[in-house]
Amino acid sequence: MTYEPGELKVVTYKNGKEWATANMRTAGVPSTLLMTPDRPRISADGHDLFFVTVRITDQDGLTVPRANDRIRFTLDGPGSRLETNVIAMRTLRRDGRVTS
């Protein structure tokens, strides 16, 4: 099969009737950083911890899986950054290993 940009749609049937669908579209060029915290509020007690997921998206909000733009994180105000863990869009196998 030769790669072509576009849309892939999967339809699942159960007992002969359409049961579920999913689509995936090819992402465009990177245009936006989308930051999503794991919850809307944290306690300002000096002990709370939260995670922020950062995605590189195109103009339609689709994640650009092969974007390799360098991102620098800084923090202003009280608080500290414990770690920045970059996970590229890769496949996590059942044995826990990550493949490209």
Foldseek 3Di string as FASTA:
>chain_A
DDDDFAKDKDFDDDPRHTDDMDMDGAFDDFDDKDKDKPDDDWDPPQPTDIDIDIFGGHPVRHGNQPDDDDDDDDDDDDDDDDDDDDDGPFDQDPVRDTDD
